[in-house]
C-alpha atoms as a PDB file:
ATOM      1  CA  UNK A   1      41.413 146.247 140.582  1.00  0.00           C
ATOM      2  CA  UNK A   2      39.467 147.553 138.314  1.00  0.00           C
ATOM      3  CA  UNK A   3      36.413 149.873 138.907  1.00  0.00           C
ATOM      4  CA  UNK A   4      33.358 147.556 140.089  1.00  0.00           C
ATOM      5  CA  UNK A   5      30.816 150.110 137.623  1.00  0.00           C
ATOM      6  CA  UNK A   6      31.232 150.934 133.664  1.00  0.00           C
ATOM      7  CA  UNK A   7      31.472 154.359 132.752  1.00  0.00           C
ATOM      8  CA  UNK A   8      28.360 154.737 132.722  1.00  0.00           C
ATOM      9  CA  UNK A   9      26.594 153.164 136.058  1.00  0.00           C
ATOM     10  CA  UNK A  10      29.919 155.697 137.938  1.00  0.00           C
ATOM     11  CA  UNK A  11      27.438 158.905 136.390  1.00  0.00           C
ATOM     12  CA  UNK A  12      24.025 157.941 136.653  1.00  0.00           C
ATOM     13  CA  UNK A  13      25.207 157.560 140.458  1.00  0.00           C
ATOM     14  CA  UNK A  14      26.579 161.531 140.896  1.00  0.00           C
ATOM     15  CA  UNK A  15      23.312 163.425 141.256  1.00  0.00           C
ATOM     16  CA  UNK A  16      25.581 166.287 140.163  1.00  0.00           C
ATOM     17  CA  UNK A  17      26.051 164.902 136.851  1.00  0.00           C
ATOM     18  CA  UNK A  18      21.846 164.105 136.638  1.00  0.00           C
ATOM     19  CA  UNK A  19      21.354 167.516 137.422  1.00  0.00           C
ATOM     20  CA  UNK A  20      23.826 169.244 134.733  1.00  0.00           C
ATOM     21  CA  UNK A  21      22.421 166.447 132.212  1.00  0.00           C
ATOM     22  CA  UNK A  22      25.998 165.348 131.887  1.00  0.00           C
ATOM     23  CA  UNK A  23      26.353 162.760 129.366  1.00  0.00           C
ATOM     24  CA  UNK A  24      28.967 159.739 128.469  1.00  0.00           C
ATOM     25  CA  UNK A  25      29.917 160.099 125.101  1.00  0.00           C
ATOM     26  CA  UNK A  26      32.221 157.607 124.331  1.00  0.00           C
ATOM     27  CA  UNK A  27      35.226 155.772 126.194  1.00  0.00           C
ATOM     28  CA  UNK A  28      38.633 154.488 124.113  1.00  0.00           C
ATOM     29  CA  UNK A  29      40.985 152.272 123.889  1.00  0.00           C
ATOM     30  CA  UNK A  30      42.928 154.011 125.618  1.00  0.00           C
ATOM     31  CA  UNK A  31      41.254 155.215 128.280  1.00  0.00           C
ATOM     32  CA  UNK A  32      40.438 158.920 127.532  1.00  0.00           C
ATOM     33  CA  UNK A  33      36.947 160.190 128.392  1.00  0.00           C
ATOM     34  CA  UNK A  34      34.574 162.067 127.023  1.00  0.00           C
ATOM     35  CA  UNK A  35      31.845 163.531 128.684  1.00  0.00           C
ATOM     36  CA  UNK A  36      29.064 166.359 127.162  1.00  0.00           C
ATOM     37  CA  UNK A  37      27.174 168.808 128.960  1.00  0.00           C
ATOM     38  CA  UNK A  38      24.080 171.292 126.981  1.00  0.00           C
ATOM     39  CA  UNK A  39      24.327 174.894 127.601  1.00  0.00           C
ATOM     40  CA  UNK A  40      20.599 174.821 129.494  1.00  0.00           C
ATOM     41  CA  UNK A  41      19.456 178.374 131.071  1.00  0.00           C
ATOM     42  CA  UNK A  42      20.056 177.313 134.633  1.00  0.00           C
ATOM     43  CA  UNK A  43      23.623 177.610 134.167  1.00  0.00           C
ATOM     44  CA  UNK A  44      24.313 180.773 132.992  1.00  0.00           C
ATOM     45  CA  UNK A  45      26.858 182.786 134.888  1.00  0.00           C
ATOM     46  CA  UNK A  46      26.201 186.847 133.182  1.00  0.00           C
ATOM     47  CA  UNK A  47      22.224 186.867 131.925  1.00  0.00           C
ATOM     48  CA  UNK A  48      24.191 189.905 129.451  1.00  0.00           C
ATOM     49  CA  UNK A  49      26.222 187.479 127.481  1.00  0.00           C
ATOM     50  CA  UNK A  50      23.973 184.089 128.511  1.00  0.00           C
ATOM     51  CA  UNK A  51      27.640 182.475 129.124  1.00  0.00           C
ATOM     52  CA  UNK A  52      27.467 179.190 131.120  1.00  0.00           C
ATOM     53  CA  UNK A  53      29.062 179.906 134.322  1.00  0.00           C
ATOM     54  CA  UNK A  54      32.713 178.376 135.535  1.00  0.00           C
ATOM     55  CA  UNK A  55      31.664 176.195 138.203  1.00  0.00           C
ATOM     56  CA  UNK A  56      29.421 174.030 135.761  1.00  0.00           C
ATOM     57  CA  UNK A  57      32.522 173.465 133.268  1.00  0.00           C
ATOM     58  CA  UNK A  58      34.383 172.662 136.079  1.00  0.00           C
ATOM     59  CA  UNK A  59      32.104 170.235 137.126  1.00  0.00           C
ATOM     60  CA  UNK A  60      31.856 169.000 133.986  1.00  0.00           C
ATOM     61  CA  UNK A  61      35.774 168.185 133.891  1.00  0.00           C
ATOM     62  CA  UNK A  62      35.635 167.769 137.534  1.00  0.00           C
ATOM     63  CA  UNK A  63      33.522 164.530 136.899  1.00  0.00           C
ATOM     64  CA  UNK A  64      35.191 163.509 133.408  1.00  0.00           C
ATOM     65  CA  UNK A  65      39.333 163.268 135.138  1.00  0.00           C
ATOM     66  CA  UNK A  66      37.366 160.685 137.786  1.00  0.00           C
ATOM     67  CA  UNK A  67      36.206 158.582 135.459  1.00  0.00           C
ATOM     68  CA  UNK A  68      39.780 158.419 134.106  1.00  0.00           C
ATOM     69  CA  UNK A  69      41.237 157.305 136.170  1.00  0.00           C
ATOM     70  CA  UNK A  70      38.598 154.910 137.075  1.00  0.00           C
ATOM     71  CA  UNK A  71      39.428 153.430 133.750  1.00  0.00           C
ATOM     72  CA  UNK A  72      42.614 153.125 134.371  1.00  0.00           C
ATOM     73  CA  UNK A  73      43.999 149.950 134.782  1.00  0.00           C
ATOM     74  CA  UNK A  74      46.068 150.840 137.614  1.00  0.00           C
ATOM     75  CA  UNK A  75      42.932 151.658 138.905  1.00  0.00           C
ATOM     76  CA  UNK A  76      42.297 149.911 143.254  1.00  0.00           C
ATOM     77  CA  UNK A  77      38.462 151.093 141.586  1.00  0.00           C
ATOM     78  CA  UNK A  78      37.596 154.660 143.289  1.00  0.00           C
ATOM     79  CA  UNK A  79      38.438 158.054 143.088  1.00  0.00           C
ATOM     80  CA  UNK A  80      38.360 161.309 144.919  1.00  0.00           C
ATOM     81  CA  UNK A  81      39.654 164.963 143.799  1.00  0.00           C
ATOM     82  CA  UNK A  82      42.658 165.167 146.104  1.00  0.00           C
ATOM     83  CA  UNK A  83      43.688 168.879 143.805  1.00  0.00           C
ATOM     84  CA  UNK A  84      41.954 170.369 140.783  1.00  0.00           C
ATOM     85  CA  UNK A  85      43.212 173.295 138.870  1.00  0.00           C
ATOM     86  CA  UNK A  86      41.212 174.962 136.059  1.00  0.00           C
ATOM     87  CA  UNK A  87      43.171 177.240 133.272  1.00  0.00           C
ATOM     88  CA  UNK A  88      39.744 179.101 131.356  1.00  0.00           C
ATOM     89  CA  UNK A  89      40.517 180.831 128.254  1.00  0.00           C
ATOM     90  CA  UNK A  90      37.397 181.788 126.718  1.00  0.00           C
ATOM     91  CA  UNK A  91      33.951 181.231 128.065  1.00  0.00           C
ATOM     92  CA  UNK A  92      31.464 179.122 126.067  1.00  0.00           C
ATOM     93  CA  UNK A  93      30.023 179.787 123.434  1.00  0.00           C
ATOM     94  CA  UNK A  94      26.277 180.152 124.451  1.00  0.00           C
ATOM     95  CA  UNK A  95      23.391 177.234 123.148  1.00  0.00           C
ATOM     96  CA  UNK A  96      26.426 174.696 122.613  1.00  0.00           C
ATOM     97  CA  UNK A  97      27.567 171.512 124.242  1.00  0.00           C
ATOM     98  CA  UNK A  98      30.701 171.910 126.532  1.00  0.00           C
ATOM     99  CA  UNK A  99      32.550 168.168 125.834  1.00  0.00           C
ATOM    100  CA  UNK A 100      35.310 167.184 128.379  1.00  0.00           C
ATOM    101  CA  UNK A 101      37.792 164.801 127.386  1.00  0.00           C
ATOM    102  CA  UNK A 102      40.022 163.327 130.617  1.00  0.00           C
ATOM    103  CA  UNK A 103      42.700 161.179 129.742  1.00  0.00           C
ATOM    104  CA  UNK A 104      45.347 159.714 133.387  1.00  0.00           C
ATOM    105  CA  UNK A 105      48.854 159.928 132.041  1.00  0.00           C
ATOM    106  CA  UNK A 106      50.352 158.564 134.995  1.00  0.00           C
ATOM    107  CA  UNK A 107      49.000 156.370 138.064  1.00  0.00           C
ATOM    108  CA  UNK A 108      50.776 155.377 141.254  1.00  0.00           C
ATOM    109  CA  UNK A 109      50.058 152.926 143.455  1.00  0.00           C
ATOM    110  CA  UNK A 110      48.018 156.524 144.873  1.00  0.00           C
ATOM    111  CA  UNK A 111      47.269 158.571 143.579  1.00  0.00           C
ATOM    112  CA  UNK A 112      45.911 158.845 139.253  1.00  0.00           C
ATOM    113  CA  UNK A 113      47.468 162.824 137.955  1.00  0.00           C
ATOM    114  CA  UNK A 114      45.054 163.930 134.655  1.00  0.00           C
ATOM    115  CA  UNK A 115      44.226 165.785 131.733  1.00  0.00           C
ATOM    116  CA  UNK A 116      41.959 166.919 131.024  1.00  0.00           C
ATOM    117  CA  UNK A 117      39.936 170.319 128.284  1.00  0.00           C
ATOM    118  CA  UNK A 118      36.561 171.487 127.715  1.00  0.00           C
ATOM    119  CA  UNK A 119      35.273 172.756 124.620  1.00  0.00           C
ATOM    120  CA  UNK A 120      32.252 173.965 122.667  1.00  0.00           C
ATOM    121  CA  UNK A 121      31.662 173.437 118.878  1.00  0.00           C
ATOM    122  CA  UNK A 122      34.799 174.760 117.769  1.00  0.00           C
ATOM    123  CA  UNK A 123      36.701 172.028 118.637  1.00  0.00           C
ATOM    124  CA  UNK A 124      40.557 173.717 117.860  1.00  0.00           C
ATOM    125  CA  UNK A 125      39.762 176.109 121.175  1.00  0.00           C
ATOM    126  CA  UNK A 126      39.690 174.904 124.541  1.00  0.00           C
ATOM    127  CA  UNK A 127      36.434 176.814 126.535  1.00  0.00           C
ATOM    128  CA  UNK A 128      39.495 174.934 129.815  1.00  0.00           C
ATOM    129  CA  UNK A 129      42.185 172.550 130.593  1.00  0.00           C
ATOM    130  CA  UNK A 130      42.870 170.744 133.874  1.00  0.00           C
ATOM    131  CA  UNK A 131      45.328 169.483 135.385  1.00  0.00           C
ATOM    132  CA  UNK A 132      44.507 166.811 138.476  1.00  0.00           C
ATOM    133  CA  UNK A 133      45.697 164.161 141.082  1.00  0.00           C
ATOM    134  CA  UNK A 134      42.366 161.906 142.696  1.00  0.00           C
ATOM    135  CA  UNK A 135      42.784 159.395 144.857  1.00  0.00           C
ATOM    136  CA  UNK A 136      44.072 155.805 143.751  1.00  0.00           C
ATOM    137  CA  UNK A 137      41.746 154.033 146.593  1.00  0.00           C
ATOM    138  CA  UNK A 138      39.686 150.078 146.124  1.00  0.00           C
ATOM    139  CA  UNK A 139      35.760 151.173 145.950  1.00  0.00           C
ATOM    140  CA  UNK A 140      32.853 151.350 148.756  1.00  0.00           C
ATOM    141  CA  UNK A 141      31.596 149.696 146.918  1.00  0.00           C
ATOM    142  CA  UNK A 142      33.460 146.741 146.131  1.00  0.00           C
ATOM    143  CA  UNK A 143      34.591 147.026 149.370  1.00  0.00           C
ATOM    144  CA  UNK A 144      31.387 146.224 150.698  1.00  0.00           C
END
């Protein structure tokens, strides 16, 4: 059972995604999801450098990963984060949009395994990478 929501509808339901101005950039045929968010002075973790706080990068990676989990053909329609490991490689360049690409590389009856990477305008040098496990469960909205 696939998610009852389109990826954009799923994103629009998340208050934190709206607060961070996240945008759905693409969904590929193989289930890769790309989200992005703009640089915003409200999200700066260190005023001396202008670098976006790692928590905002985490939220972007987590959200992209959750959408990737729900898009997998084996998805029961709903998901929640079980575990998400983030490795921060370098600070995102101040003033640049941050993108997160996520994909589900394995789906079991109860768990989706996701990999993701965050970049800025320099797509060849990751800002952060992520590996996570997400629940594979029936959507609450579909159950109503």
